[in-house]
Amino acid sequence: MRKAYHEELDSISDGLVEMANVVGSAIGLATTALLDADIQLAESVISADEKVDDLQRDLENRAIAVLARQQPVATDLRVVVTSLRMSADLERCGVLAQHVAKLARMRYPQRAVPRDLRRTILEMGQLAQRLMAQAAEVVITQDVDAALQLEKDDDRMDELHRMLFQHLMDDRWQHGVETAVDVTLVGRYYERFADHAVSVAQRVVYLVTGELTTDGPA
C-alpha cells in the first residue's frame, strides 16, 4: 500500500516534468515562428496548448485523488499542494508561448520583430527555453543549489528586457507605434515565462527546505 502511495506521488512529479518539457519546447518553437514568420509553426504551437491543459487537468486529478484517498500530512501534503501550484505556473507558461505564436500569426506574412531586434528576441527565446529545462531538472533532482542558480540566470532575461525598452525609447526608433506595441508585448511574454520558471524552482526549494523564498509571479 505504501509503495503504491509513493508511486502516486512520483507520478505527480513526472507530470510536472512532462509539462515543463512541453512548454519549454513550445516557447522555442514559438520564437522560431515569430522570427521566421512561419505560419504553420505558429499554428502548431497554438494548437498544442491543448496538450498543456490536458496535462494540467490530469495532474490535478491525480493530486485530488491522493488527497482524498491518502489524506497526506506534513511533507507529503506539502508535495501535493506545491505541485498543484507548480502546475499552474507551467500552464501559464504554455499560454505565454501561445501568445508569442499568436503574435507571429497576426503579423504574417510580415515579421513582427524588426531586423535590429531579432538577435535580442532570439536570445530571450533561447534563454526562456533553457530556464524551463533547468526548472524541469530541478523538479527531478530537487537540487536546491541548482534552483538558486536558476534565479541568478534569470537576471540575464531582465537585462534583455531592459535592452528592448532602451531601443523603444530611443529617438532613432523608426518602426512605428504598432511594432513598438508588438515588441513591448513579446518582451513581456518572455519575461513572464522566465518568472514562472523561477517560481517553479522556488517552490522546489520550499519542498526540500520548508522555507519560503521570494514569491513568484501571480
N, C-alpha and C. Protein backbone atom coordinates (compact mmCIF):
# COMPACT_ATOMS: atom_id res chain seq x y z
N MET A 1 0.83 -1.20 0.00
CA MET A 1 0.00 0.00 0.00
C MET A 1 0.86 1.25 0.00
N ARG A 2 1.91 1.23 0.86
CA ARG A 2 2.79 2.39 0.94
C ARG A 2 3.54 2.60 -0.37
N LYS A 3 3.92 1.49 -1.02
CA LYS A 3 4.62 1.59 -2.30
C LYS A 3 3.72 2.25 -3.34
N ALA A 4 2.46 1.85 -3.37
CA ALA A 4 1.51 2.43 -4.33
C ALA A 4 1.33 3.92 -4.07
N TYR A 5 1.32 4.30 -2.80
CA TYR A 5 1.16 5.70 -2.42
C TYR A 5 2.32 6.53 -2.96
N HIS A 6 3.54 6.03 -2.79
CA HIS A 6 4.70 6.78 -3.27
C HIS A 6 4.76 6.81 -4.79
N GLU A 7 4.27 5.76 -5.41
CA GLU A 7 4.19 5.77 -6.87
C GLU A 7 3.23 6.85 -7.36
N GLU A 8 2.14 7.06 -6.61
CA GLU A 8 1.21 8.13 -6.96
C GLU A 8 1.87 9.49 -6.84
N LEU A 9 2.64 9.68 -5.76
CA LEU A 9 3.36 10.95 -5.59
C LEU A 9 4.39 11.14 -6.71
N ASP A 10 5.08 10.06 -7.06
CA ASP A 10 6.07 10.15 -8.14
C ASP A 10 5.41 10.48 -9.47
N SER A 11 4.20 9.97 -9.69
CA SER A 11 3.51 10.25 -10.95
C SER A 11 3.15 11.72 -11.06
N ILE A 12 2.88 12.36 -9.94
CA ILE A 12 2.61 13.80 -9.95
C ILE A 12 3.87 14.56 -10.37
N SER A 13 5.01 14.17 -9.81
CA SER A 13 6.28 14.79 -10.19
C SER A 13 6.59 14.56 -11.66
N ASP A 14 6.32 13.35 -12.14
CA ASP A 14 6.55 13.05 -13.56
C ASP A 14 5.68 13.94 -14.44
N GLY A 15 4.45 14.18 -14.00
CA GLY A 15 3.55 15.05 -14.75
C GLY A 15 4.08 16.47 -14.85
N LEU A 16 4.67 16.96 -13.77
CA LEU A 16 5.26 18.29 -13.79
C LEU A 16 6.42 18.37 -14.77
N VAL A 17 7.26 17.35 -14.78
CA VAL A 17 8.40 17.34 -15.69
C VAL A 17 7.92 17.31 -17.14
N GLU A 18 6.89 16.52 -17.41
CA GLU A 18 6.36 16.47 -18.78
C GLU A 18 5.79 17.82 -19.19
N MET A 19 5.06 18.47 -18.28
CA MET A 19 4.53 19.80 -18.59
C MET A 19 5.66 20.78 -18.89
N ALA A 20 6.71 20.74 -18.06
CA ALA A 20 7.84 21.65 -18.26
C ALA A 20 8.50 21.42 -19.61
N ASN A 21 8.65 20.15 -19.99
CA ASN A 21 9.27 19.84 -21.28
C ASN A 21 8.40 20.34 -22.44
N VAL A 22 7.10 20.19 -22.31
CA VAL A 22 6.19 20.61 -23.38
C VAL A 22 6.21 22.13 -23.55
N VAL A 23 6.11 22.86 -22.43
CA VAL A 23 6.07 24.33 -22.56
C VAL A 23 7.44 24.88 -22.94
N GLY A 24 8.52 24.21 -22.52
CA GLY A 24 9.85 24.64 -22.94
C GLY A 24 10.02 24.51 -24.44
N SER A 25 9.55 23.38 -25.00
CA SER A 25 9.59 23.20 -26.44
C SER A 25 8.71 24.23 -27.15
N ALA A 26 7.55 24.51 -26.55
CA ALA A 26 6.60 25.45 -27.16
C ALA A 26 7.19 26.84 -27.30
N ILE A 27 7.90 27.31 -26.27
CA ILE A 27 8.44 28.67 -26.35
C ILE A 27 9.56 28.72 -27.38
N GLY A 28 10.31 27.63 -27.54
CA GLY A 28 11.34 27.59 -28.56
C GLY A 28 10.75 27.62 -29.97
N LEU A 29 9.72 26.83 -30.18
CA LEU A 29 9.07 26.80 -31.50
C LEU A 29 8.36 28.12 -31.80
N ALA A 30 7.74 28.71 -30.76
CA ALA A 30 7.06 29.99 -30.96
C ALA A 30 8.05 31.08 -31.34
N THR A 31 9.23 31.03 -30.76
CA THR A 31 10.27 32.01 -31.10
C THR A 31 10.68 31.89 -32.56
N THR A 32 10.85 30.67 -33.01
CA THR A 32 11.19 30.45 -34.42
C THR A 32 10.08 30.95 -35.33
N ALA A 33 8.84 30.64 -34.96
CA ALA A 33 7.69 31.09 -35.76
C ALA A 33 7.65 32.61 -35.83
N LEU A 34 7.95 33.26 -34.72
CA LEU A 34 7.92 34.72 -34.65
C LEU A 34 9.00 35.35 -35.53
N LEU A 35 10.20 34.83 -35.43
CA LEU A 35 11.33 35.43 -36.15
C LEU A 35 11.34 35.09 -37.63
N ASP A 36 10.78 33.93 -37.98
CA ASP A 36 10.79 33.49 -39.38
C ASP A 36 9.46 33.72 -40.09
N ALA A 37 8.47 34.27 -39.36
CA ALA A 37 7.12 34.43 -39.92
C ALA A 37 6.62 33.10 -40.48
N ASP A 38 6.77 32.05 -39.68
CA ASP A 38 6.38 30.70 -40.08
C ASP A 38 4.97 30.43 -39.57
N ILE A 39 3.98 30.58 -40.43
CA ILE A 39 2.59 30.49 -40.02
C ILE A 39 2.21 29.07 -39.61
N GLN A 40 2.74 28.07 -40.29
CA GLN A 40 2.41 26.69 -39.94
C GLN A 40 2.95 26.33 -38.57
N LEU A 41 4.16 26.77 -38.28
CA LEU A 41 4.75 26.50 -36.97
C LEU A 41 3.97 27.24 -35.89
N ALA A 42 3.58 28.48 -36.16
CA ALA A 42 2.79 29.24 -35.20
C ALA A 42 1.48 28.53 -34.89
N GLU A 43 0.80 28.04 -35.92
CA GLU A 43 -0.47 27.33 -35.73
C GLU A 43 -0.27 26.06 -34.90
N SER A 44 0.85 25.38 -35.12
CA SER A 44 1.10 24.15 -34.37
C SER A 44 1.30 24.43 -32.89
N VAL A 45 1.98 25.55 -32.57
CA VAL A 45 2.18 25.93 -31.17
C VAL A 45 0.84 26.29 -30.53
N ILE A 46 0.03 27.03 -31.25
CA ILE A 46 -1.28 27.45 -30.73
C ILE A 46 -2.15 26.23 -30.44
N SER A 47 -2.16 25.28 -31.37
CA SER A 47 -2.98 24.08 -31.20
C SER A 47 -2.45 23.20 -30.06
N ALA A 48 -1.13 23.15 -29.92
CA ALA A 48 -0.51 22.27 -28.93
C ALA A 48 -0.77 22.70 -27.50
N ASP A 49 -1.24 23.94 -27.30
CA ASP A 49 -1.53 24.39 -25.93
C ASP A 49 -2.60 23.53 -25.28
N GLU A 50 -3.44 22.89 -26.07
CA GLU A 50 -4.45 21.99 -25.51
C GLU A 50 -3.80 20.83 -24.76
N LYS A 51 -2.63 20.40 -25.22
CA LYS A 51 -1.93 19.31 -24.54
C LYS A 51 -1.50 19.75 -23.14
N VAL A 52 -1.06 21.00 -23.02
CA VAL A 52 -0.66 21.52 -21.71
C VAL A 52 -1.86 21.52 -20.77
N ASP A 53 -3.00 21.96 -21.28
CA ASP A 53 -4.22 21.97 -20.47
C ASP A 53 -4.60 20.55 -20.03
N ASP A 54 -4.47 19.60 -20.96
CA ASP A 54 -4.80 18.21 -20.63
C ASP A 54 -3.86 17.68 -19.56
N LEU A 55 -2.58 17.99 -19.69
CA LEU A 55 -1.60 17.53 -18.70
C LEU A 55 -1.90 18.13 -17.33
N GLN A 56 -2.27 19.41 -17.31
CA GLN A 56 -2.58 20.02 -16.03
C GLN A 56 -3.81 19.39 -15.38
N ARG A 57 -4.85 19.15 -16.19
CA ARG A 57 -6.05 18.52 -15.64
C ARG A 57 -5.75 17.12 -15.09
N ASP A 58 -4.92 16.38 -15.83
CA ASP A 58 -4.55 15.03 -15.38
C ASP A 58 -3.78 15.10 -14.06
N LEU A 59 -2.85 16.04 -13.97
CA LEU A 59 -2.08 16.19 -12.75
C LEU A 59 -2.98 16.58 -11.58
N GLU A 60 -3.89 17.51 -11.82
CA GLU A 60 -4.81 17.92 -10.77
C GLU A 60 -5.67 16.76 -10.29
N ASN A 61 -6.13 15.94 -11.24
CA ASN A 61 -6.95 14.79 -10.87
C ASN A 61 -6.17 13.81 -10.01
N ARG A 62 -4.89 13.60 -10.37
CA ARG A 62 -4.05 12.71 -9.58
C ARG A 62 -3.84 13.26 -8.17
N ALA A 63 -3.59 14.57 -8.11
CA ALA A 63 -3.35 15.20 -6.80
C ALA A 63 -4.60 15.13 -5.92
N ILE A 64 -5.75 15.38 -6.52
CA ILE A 64 -7.00 15.32 -5.75
C ILE A 64 -7.27 13.90 -5.27
N ALA A 65 -6.95 12.92 -6.11
CA ALA A 65 -7.13 11.52 -5.72
C ALA A 65 -6.24 11.17 -4.53
N VAL A 66 -5.01 11.65 -4.55
CA VAL A 66 -4.10 11.40 -3.42
C VAL A 66 -4.64 12.05 -2.15
N LEU A 67 -5.11 13.28 -2.28
CA LEU A 67 -5.65 13.97 -1.11
C LEU A 67 -6.86 13.23 -0.54
N ALA A 68 -7.71 12.74 -1.43
CA ALA A 68 -8.94 12.09 -0.99
C ALA A 68 -8.67 10.71 -0.37
N ARG A 69 -7.78 9.94 -1.00
CA ARG A 69 -7.58 8.56 -0.56
C ARG A 69 -6.56 8.43 0.56
N GLN A 70 -5.52 9.23 0.47
CA GLN A 70 -4.39 9.05 1.39
C GLN A 70 -4.37 10.04 2.54
N GLN A 71 -5.05 11.18 2.37
CA GLN A 71 -5.05 12.24 3.38
C GLN A 71 -3.63 12.51 3.89
N PRO A 72 -2.74 12.90 2.99
CA PRO A 72 -1.34 13.10 3.37
C PRO A 72 -1.17 14.23 4.38
N VAL A 73 -0.12 14.14 5.16
CA VAL A 73 0.20 15.17 6.14
C VAL A 73 1.67 15.54 5.99
N ALA A 74 2.05 16.62 6.68
CA ALA A 74 3.45 17.06 6.74
C ALA A 74 4.06 17.18 5.34
N THR A 75 5.21 16.53 5.12
CA THR A 75 5.96 16.69 3.88
C THR A 75 5.16 16.25 2.66
N ASP A 76 4.45 15.13 2.79
CA ASP A 76 3.69 14.62 1.65
C ASP A 76 2.58 15.59 1.24
N LEU A 77 1.95 16.19 2.21
CA LEU A 77 0.92 17.19 1.90
C LEU A 77 1.54 18.38 1.19
N ARG A 78 2.73 18.77 1.64
CA ARG A 78 3.43 19.89 1.01
C ARG A 78 3.76 19.56 -0.45
N VAL A 79 4.12 18.31 -0.72
CA VAL A 79 4.42 17.88 -2.08
C VAL A 79 3.20 18.05 -2.98
N VAL A 80 2.05 17.60 -2.50
CA VAL A 80 0.84 17.64 -3.33
C VAL A 80 0.40 19.08 -3.58
N VAL A 81 0.33 19.87 -2.53
CA VAL A 81 -0.15 21.25 -2.67
C VAL A 81 0.81 22.07 -3.51
N THR A 82 2.11 21.92 -3.27
CA THR A 82 3.10 22.68 -4.03
C THR A 82 3.12 22.25 -5.50
N SER A 83 2.89 20.99 -5.75
CA SER A 83 2.83 20.51 -7.13
C SER A 83 1.67 21.15 -7.88
N LEU A 84 0.55 21.32 -7.22
CA LEU A 84 -0.59 21.99 -7.85
C LEU A 84 -0.23 23.42 -8.23
N ARG A 85 0.51 24.08 -7.38
CA ARG A 85 0.92 25.46 -7.68
C ARG A 85 1.92 25.50 -8.82
N MET A 86 2.82 24.53 -8.85
CA MET A 86 3.79 24.47 -9.94
C MET A 86 3.09 24.20 -11.26
N SER A 87 2.07 23.35 -11.24
CA SER A 87 1.34 23.07 -12.48
C SER A 87 0.66 24.32 -13.01
N ALA A 88 0.21 25.17 -12.10
CA ALA A 88 -0.40 26.44 -12.52
C ALA A 88 0.64 27.34 -13.17
N ASP A 89 1.86 27.37 -12.62
CA ASP A 89 2.95 28.14 -13.24
C ASP A 89 3.22 27.63 -14.65
N LEU A 90 3.28 26.32 -14.79
CA LEU A 90 3.62 25.74 -16.08
C LEU A 90 2.50 25.93 -17.10
N GLU A 91 1.25 25.85 -16.64
CA GLU A 91 0.14 26.11 -17.55
C GLU A 91 0.20 27.53 -18.07
N ARG A 92 0.57 28.46 -17.21
CA ARG A 92 0.67 29.85 -17.62
C ARG A 92 1.79 30.02 -18.65
N CYS A 93 2.87 29.26 -18.49
CA CYS A 93 3.95 29.31 -19.48
C CYS A 93 3.45 28.86 -20.85
N GLY A 94 2.60 27.84 -20.86
CA GLY A 94 2.01 27.40 -22.11
C GLY A 94 1.21 28.49 -22.78
N VAL A 95 0.46 29.23 -21.98
CA VAL A 95 -0.33 30.34 -22.52
C VAL A 95 0.58 31.42 -23.09
N LEU A 96 1.68 31.71 -22.40
CA LEU A 96 2.60 32.74 -22.87
C LEU A 96 3.27 32.33 -24.19
N ALA A 97 3.63 31.06 -24.31
CA ALA A 97 4.18 30.58 -25.58
C ALA A 97 3.15 30.72 -26.69
N GLN A 98 1.92 30.43 -26.36
CA GLN A 98 0.83 30.59 -27.33
C GLN A 98 0.68 32.05 -27.74
N HIS A 99 0.82 32.97 -26.81
CA HIS A 99 0.73 34.39 -27.12
C HIS A 99 1.81 34.80 -28.14
N VAL A 100 3.02 34.29 -27.95
CA VAL A 100 4.10 34.60 -28.90
C VAL A 100 3.73 34.08 -30.29
N ALA A 101 3.21 32.87 -30.34
CA ALA A 101 2.82 32.28 -31.63
C ALA A 101 1.67 33.06 -32.26
N LYS A 102 0.73 33.51 -31.44
CA LYS A 102 -0.41 34.27 -31.97
C LYS A 102 0.05 35.62 -32.56
N LEU A 103 1.07 36.20 -31.95
CA LEU A 103 1.61 37.44 -32.50
C LEU A 103 2.23 37.18 -33.87
N ALA A 104 2.95 36.06 -33.99
CA ALA A 104 3.53 35.69 -35.29
C ALA A 104 2.42 35.51 -36.32
N ARG A 105 1.33 34.87 -35.92
CA ARG A 105 0.22 34.64 -36.84
C ARG A 105 -0.46 35.95 -37.23
N MET A 106 -0.62 36.83 -36.26
CA MET A 106 -1.31 38.08 -36.51
C MET A 106 -0.57 38.95 -37.52
N ARG A 107 0.78 38.92 -37.49
CA ARG A 107 1.57 39.79 -38.37
C ARG A 107 1.96 39.11 -39.68
N TYR A 108 1.68 37.84 -39.81
CA TYR A 108 2.03 37.12 -41.04
C TYR A 108 1.34 37.78 -42.25
N PRO A 109 2.00 37.93 -43.39
CA PRO A 109 3.31 37.35 -43.76
C PRO A 109 4.50 38.22 -43.37
N GLN A 110 4.24 39.37 -42.72
CA GLN A 110 5.35 40.19 -42.25
C GLN A 110 5.93 39.59 -40.96
N ARG A 111 7.13 40.02 -40.63
CA ARG A 111 7.75 39.64 -39.36
C ARG A 111 7.42 40.70 -38.32
N ALA A 112 7.02 40.27 -37.14
CA ALA A 112 6.64 41.21 -36.09
C ALA A 112 7.84 41.92 -35.48
N VAL A 113 9.02 41.30 -35.60
CA VAL A 113 10.22 41.83 -34.94
C VAL A 113 11.13 42.48 -35.97
N PRO A 114 11.50 43.75 -35.78
CA PRO A 114 12.43 44.42 -36.71
C PRO A 114 13.79 43.72 -36.74
N ARG A 115 14.48 43.88 -37.85
CA ARG A 115 15.76 43.21 -38.02
C ARG A 115 16.76 43.54 -36.91
N ASP A 116 16.78 44.80 -36.46
CA ASP A 116 17.78 45.20 -35.46
C ASP A 116 17.48 44.66 -34.07
N LEU A 117 16.30 44.04 -33.87
CA LEU A 117 15.97 43.46 -32.57
C LEU A 117 15.90 41.94 -32.60
N ARG A 118 16.12 41.36 -33.76
CA ARG A 118 15.98 39.91 -33.89
C ARG A 118 16.95 39.16 -32.98
N ARG A 119 18.18 39.65 -32.88
CA ARG A 119 19.16 38.95 -32.05
C ARG A 119 18.74 38.95 -30.58
N THR A 120 18.21 40.09 -30.12
CA THR A 120 17.77 40.19 -28.72
C THR A 120 16.60 39.25 -28.46
N ILE A 121 15.62 39.24 -29.36
CA ILE A 121 14.45 38.38 -29.18
C ILE A 121 14.85 36.91 -29.26
N LEU A 122 15.77 36.58 -30.17
CA LEU A 122 16.25 35.21 -30.26
C LEU A 122 16.89 34.77 -28.94
N GLU A 123 17.72 35.63 -28.38
CA GLU A 123 18.35 35.28 -27.11
C GLU A 123 17.32 35.11 -26.00
N MET A 124 16.30 35.98 -25.99
CA MET A 124 15.25 35.86 -24.98
C MET A 124 14.52 34.52 -25.11
N GLY A 125 14.23 34.14 -26.35
CA GLY A 125 13.54 32.87 -26.57
C GLY A 125 14.39 31.68 -26.16
N GLN A 126 15.66 31.72 -26.53
CA GLN A 126 16.57 30.63 -26.17
C GLN A 126 16.76 30.55 -24.67
N LEU A 127 16.86 31.70 -24.03
CA LEU A 127 17.03 31.73 -22.58
C LEU A 127 15.78 31.21 -21.87
N ALA A 128 14.62 31.60 -22.36
CA ALA A 128 13.37 31.11 -21.76
C ALA A 128 13.31 29.59 -21.84
N GLN A 129 13.67 29.04 -22.98
CA GLN A 129 13.67 27.59 -23.14
C GLN A 129 14.69 26.93 -22.21
N ARG A 130 15.85 27.54 -22.09
CA ARG A 130 16.89 26.97 -21.24
C ARG A 130 16.50 27.03 -19.76
N LEU A 131 15.90 28.13 -19.33
CA LEU A 131 15.47 28.24 -17.94
C LEU A 131 14.41 27.19 -17.61
N MET A 132 13.51 26.92 -18.56
CA MET A 132 12.49 25.91 -18.31
C MET A 132 13.11 24.52 -18.24
N ALA A 133 14.12 24.26 -19.08
CA ALA A 133 14.81 22.97 -19.00
C ALA A 133 15.49 22.81 -17.64
N GLN A 134 16.07 23.90 -17.14
CA GLN A 134 16.68 23.88 -15.81
C GLN A 134 15.63 23.63 -14.74
N ALA A 135 14.46 24.25 -14.88
CA ALA A 135 13.39 24.06 -13.91
C ALA A 135 12.95 22.60 -13.88
N ALA A 136 12.83 21.98 -15.06
CA ALA A 136 12.45 20.57 -15.13
C ALA A 136 13.49 19.71 -14.42
N GLU A 137 14.77 20.03 -14.63
CA GLU A 137 15.83 19.26 -13.98
C GLU A 137 15.78 19.43 -12.46
N VAL A 138 15.46 20.62 -12.01
CA VAL A 138 15.35 20.88 -10.57
C VAL A 138 14.21 20.06 -9.96
N VAL A 139 13.10 19.96 -10.69
CA VAL A 139 11.97 19.14 -10.21
C VAL A 139 12.41 17.69 -10.04
N ILE A 140 13.22 17.21 -10.98
CA ILE A 140 13.68 15.82 -10.93
C ILE A 140 14.66 15.60 -9.79
N THR A 141 15.65 16.49 -9.69
CA THR A 141 16.75 16.28 -8.74
C THR A 141 16.48 16.85 -7.36
N GLN A 142 15.57 17.83 -7.30
CA GLN A 142 15.32 18.58 -6.06
C GLN A 142 16.62 19.17 -5.50
N ASP A 143 17.42 19.67 -6.43
CA ASP A 143 18.72 20.26 -6.09
C ASP A 143 18.51 21.74 -5.76
N VAL A 144 18.66 22.09 -4.49
CA VAL A 144 18.41 23.45 -4.04
C VAL A 144 19.42 24.42 -4.65
N ASP A 145 20.68 24.02 -4.73
CA ASP A 145 21.69 24.91 -5.31
C ASP A 145 21.37 25.22 -6.79
N ALA A 146 20.93 24.20 -7.52
CA ALA A 146 20.57 24.43 -8.92
C ALA A 146 19.36 25.34 -9.04
N ALA A 147 18.43 25.20 -8.09
CA ALA A 147 17.24 26.07 -8.09
C ALA A 147 17.64 27.52 -7.85
N LEU A 148 18.55 27.73 -6.93
CA LEU A 148 19.01 29.09 -6.63
C LEU A 148 19.82 29.66 -7.78
N GLN A 149 20.56 28.81 -8.49
CA GLN A 149 21.32 29.27 -9.65
C GLN A 149 20.38 29.72 -10.75
N LEU A 150 19.24 29.04 -10.88
CA LEU A 150 18.28 29.41 -11.90
C LEU A 150 17.80 30.85 -11.68
N GLU A 151 17.60 31.21 -10.43
CA GLU A 151 17.19 32.59 -10.12
C GLU A 151 18.25 33.58 -10.60
N LYS A 152 19.52 33.24 -10.42
CA LYS A 152 20.60 34.12 -10.87
C LYS A 152 20.64 34.20 -12.40
N ASP A 153 20.42 33.05 -13.05
CA ASP A 153 20.43 33.02 -14.52
C ASP A 153 19.31 33.88 -15.10
N ASP A 154 18.23 34.02 -14.35
CA ASP A 154 17.11 34.84 -14.81
C ASP A 154 17.47 36.32 -14.90
N ASP A 155 18.55 36.72 -14.23
CA ASP A 155 18.98 38.13 -14.30
C ASP A 155 19.25 38.55 -15.75
N ARG A 156 19.73 37.61 -16.55
CA ARG A 156 20.01 37.94 -17.95
C ARG A 156 18.73 38.27 -18.71
N MET A 157 17.63 37.57 -18.37
CA MET A 157 16.36 37.89 -19.01
C MET A 157 15.92 39.31 -18.65
N ASP A 158 16.09 39.69 -17.41
CA ASP A 158 15.74 41.05 -17.00
C ASP A 158 16.58 42.08 -17.75
N GLU A 159 17.84 41.74 -17.95
CA GLU A 159 18.74 42.64 -18.68
C GLU A 159 18.29 42.79 -20.14
N LEU A 160 17.93 41.69 -20.76
CA LEU A 160 17.46 41.73 -22.15
C LEU A 160 16.16 42.51 -22.26
N HIS A 161 15.31 42.37 -21.28
CA HIS A 161 14.04 43.11 -21.26
C HIS A 161 14.30 44.61 -21.19
N ARG A 162 15.25 44.99 -20.37
CA ARG A 162 15.61 46.42 -20.28
C ARG A 162 16.19 46.92 -21.60
N MET A 163 16.96 46.08 -22.27
CA MET A 163 17.54 46.47 -23.56
C MET A 163 16.46 46.75 -24.59
N LEU A 164 15.40 45.96 -24.58
CA LEU A 164 14.30 46.20 -25.50
C LEU A 164 13.70 47.59 -25.28
N PHE A 165 13.50 47.93 -24.03
CA PHE A 165 12.90 49.23 -23.73
C PHE A 165 13.83 50.38 -24.12
N GLN A 166 15.11 50.16 -24.00
CA GLN A 166 16.05 51.18 -24.43
C GLN A 166 15.92 51.45 -25.92
N HIS A 167 15.73 50.38 -26.69
CA HIS A 167 15.50 50.54 -28.14
C HIS A 167 14.20 51.29 -28.40
N LEU A 168 13.16 50.93 -27.67
CA LEU A 168 11.85 51.55 -27.89
C LEU A 168 11.85 53.03 -27.55
N MET A 169 12.62 53.41 -26.55
CA MET A 169 12.66 54.80 -26.09
C MET A 169 13.67 55.64 -26.85
N ASP A 170 14.45 54.99 -27.69
CA ASP A 170 15.48 55.71 -28.44
C ASP A 170 14.82 56.63 -29.48
N ASP A 171 15.33 57.85 -29.59
CA ASP A 171 14.79 58.82 -30.55
C ASP A 171 14.95 58.34 -31.99
N ARG A 172 15.83 57.38 -32.21
CA ARG A 172 16.08 56.88 -33.56
C ARG A 172 15.11 55.77 -33.97
N TRP A 173 14.19 55.41 -33.08
CA TRP A 173 13.21 54.36 -33.40
C TRP A 173 12.40 54.77 -34.63
N GLN A 174 12.39 53.89 -35.64
CA GLN A 174 11.73 54.23 -36.91
C GLN A 174 10.70 53.19 -37.34
N HIS A 175 10.29 52.32 -36.43
CA HIS A 175 9.45 51.20 -36.84
C HIS A 175 7.97 51.41 -36.55
N GLY A 176 7.62 52.57 -36.03
CA GLY A 176 6.21 52.87 -35.82
C GLY A 176 5.64 52.36 -34.51
N VAL A 177 4.41 52.82 -34.24
CA VAL A 177 3.75 52.51 -32.97
C VAL A 177 3.34 51.04 -32.90
N GLU A 178 2.80 50.54 -33.99
CA GLU A 178 2.32 49.15 -33.98
C GLU A 178 3.43 48.17 -33.64
N THR A 179 4.58 48.34 -34.25
CA THR A 179 5.72 47.47 -33.98
C THR A 179 6.22 47.66 -32.56
N ALA A 180 6.17 48.91 -32.08
CA ALA A 180 6.58 49.17 -30.70
C ALA A 180 5.70 48.40 -29.72
N VAL A 181 4.40 48.36 -30.00
CA VAL A 181 3.47 47.61 -29.15
C VAL A 181 3.79 46.11 -29.21
N ASP A 182 4.04 45.62 -30.42
CA ASP A 182 4.37 44.20 -30.58
C ASP A 182 5.61 43.83 -29.78
N VAL A 183 6.64 44.65 -29.90
CA VAL A 183 7.90 44.36 -29.21
C VAL A 183 7.71 44.44 -27.70
N THR A 184 6.93 45.41 -27.24
CA THR A 184 6.65 45.53 -25.81
C THR A 184 5.97 44.28 -25.29
N LEU A 185 4.97 43.81 -26.03
CA LEU A 185 4.23 42.63 -25.61
C LEU A 185 5.10 41.38 -25.60
N VAL A 186 5.85 41.17 -26.66
CA VAL A 186 6.64 39.95 -26.74
C VAL A 186 7.74 39.93 -25.68
N GLY A 187 8.31 41.10 -25.41
CA GLY A 187 9.30 41.17 -24.34
C GLY A 187 8.71 40.80 -23.00
N ARG A 188 7.49 41.25 -22.77
CA ARG A 188 6.79 40.92 -21.54
C ARG A 188 6.46 39.43 -21.46
N TYR A 189 6.09 38.84 -22.59
CA TYR A 189 5.79 37.41 -22.58
C TYR A 189 7.01 36.59 -22.16
N TYR A 190 8.17 36.92 -22.71
CA TYR A 190 9.38 36.18 -22.35
C TYR A 190 9.76 36.41 -20.89
N GLU A 191 9.64 37.63 -20.45
CA GLU A 191 10.00 37.93 -19.07
C GLU A 191 9.12 37.16 -18.10
N ARG A 192 7.81 37.13 -18.38
CA ARG A 192 6.88 36.41 -17.50
C ARG A 192 7.13 34.90 -17.57
N PHE A 193 7.42 34.39 -18.74
CA PHE A 193 7.74 32.97 -18.88
C PHE A 193 8.91 32.62 -17.96
N ALA A 194 9.95 33.42 -18.01
CA ALA A 194 11.13 33.18 -17.16
C ALA A 194 10.76 33.28 -15.69
N ASP A 195 9.92 34.25 -15.35
CA ASP A 195 9.49 34.40 -13.96
C ASP A 195 8.79 33.14 -13.45
N HIS A 196 7.97 32.55 -14.30
CA HIS A 196 7.26 31.33 -13.89
C HIS A 196 8.22 30.15 -13.75
N ALA A 197 9.25 30.09 -14.60
CA ALA A 197 10.27 29.05 -14.46
C ALA A 197 10.99 29.20 -13.12
N VAL A 198 11.31 30.44 -12.76
CA VAL A 198 11.94 30.71 -11.47
C VAL A 198 11.00 30.32 -10.33
N SER A 199 9.71 30.62 -10.50
CA SER A 199 8.74 30.28 -9.47
C SER A 199 8.70 28.78 -9.23
N VAL A 200 8.77 27.98 -10.30
CA VAL A 200 8.80 26.53 -10.14
C VAL A 200 10.02 26.12 -9.31
N ALA A 201 11.17 26.70 -9.61
CA ALA A 201 12.39 26.39 -8.86
C ALA A 201 12.26 26.80 -7.40
N GLN A 202 11.66 27.96 -7.16
CA GLN A 202 11.47 28.42 -5.78
C GLN A 202 10.58 27.47 -4.99
N ARG A 203 9.59 26.93 -5.67
CA ARG A 203 8.68 26.01 -4.98
C ARG A 203 9.38 24.70 -4.65
N VAL A 204 10.35 24.30 -5.48
CA VAL A 204 11.14 23.12 -5.17
C VAL A 204 11.98 23.37 -3.92
N VAL A 205 12.55 24.56 -3.82
CA VAL A 205 13.30 24.92 -2.61
C VAL A 205 12.41 24.79 -1.38
N TYR A 206 11.19 25.26 -1.49
CA TYR A 206 10.23 25.15 -0.38
C TYR A 206 9.95 23.69 -0.06
N LEU A 207 9.80 22.85 -1.09
CA LEU A 207 9.55 21.43 -0.87
C LEU A 207 10.68 20.79 -0.05
N VAL A 208 11.90 21.14 -0.42
CA VAL A 208 13.06 20.49 0.20
C VAL A 208 13.35 21.05 1.59
N THR A 209 13.26 22.35 1.72
CA THR A 209 13.69 23.00 2.98
C THR A 209 12.54 23.41 3.89
N GLY A 210 11.36 23.57 3.33
CA GLY A 210 10.23 24.08 4.11
C GLY A 210 10.28 25.57 4.30
N GLU A 211 11.24 26.23 3.63
CA GLU A 211 11.39 27.67 3.76
C GLU A 211 10.89 28.36 2.49
N LEU A 212 10.10 29.39 2.69
CA LEU A 212 9.57 30.16 1.56
C LEU A 212 10.63 31.15 1.08
N THR A 213 10.78 31.23 -0.25
CA THR A 213 11.65 32.23 -0.84
C THR A 213 10.77 33.34 -1.40
N THR A 214 11.37 34.23 -2.20
CA THR A 214 10.60 35.32 -2.79
C THR A 214 9.46 34.78 -3.63
N ASP A 215 8.30 35.36 -3.50
CA ASP A 215 7.14 34.89 -4.25
C ASP A 215 7.38 35.03 -5.74
N GLY A 216 6.90 34.06 -6.51
CA GLY A 216 6.96 34.12 -7.96
C GLY A 216 5.83 34.95 -8.49
N PRO A 217 5.62 34.89 -9.79
CA PRO A 217 4.58 35.70 -10.43
C PRO A 217 3.20 35.30 -9.99
N ALA A 218 2.29 36.24 -10.05
CA ALA A 218 0.91 35.96 -9.67
C ALA A 218 0.26 35.12 -10.75
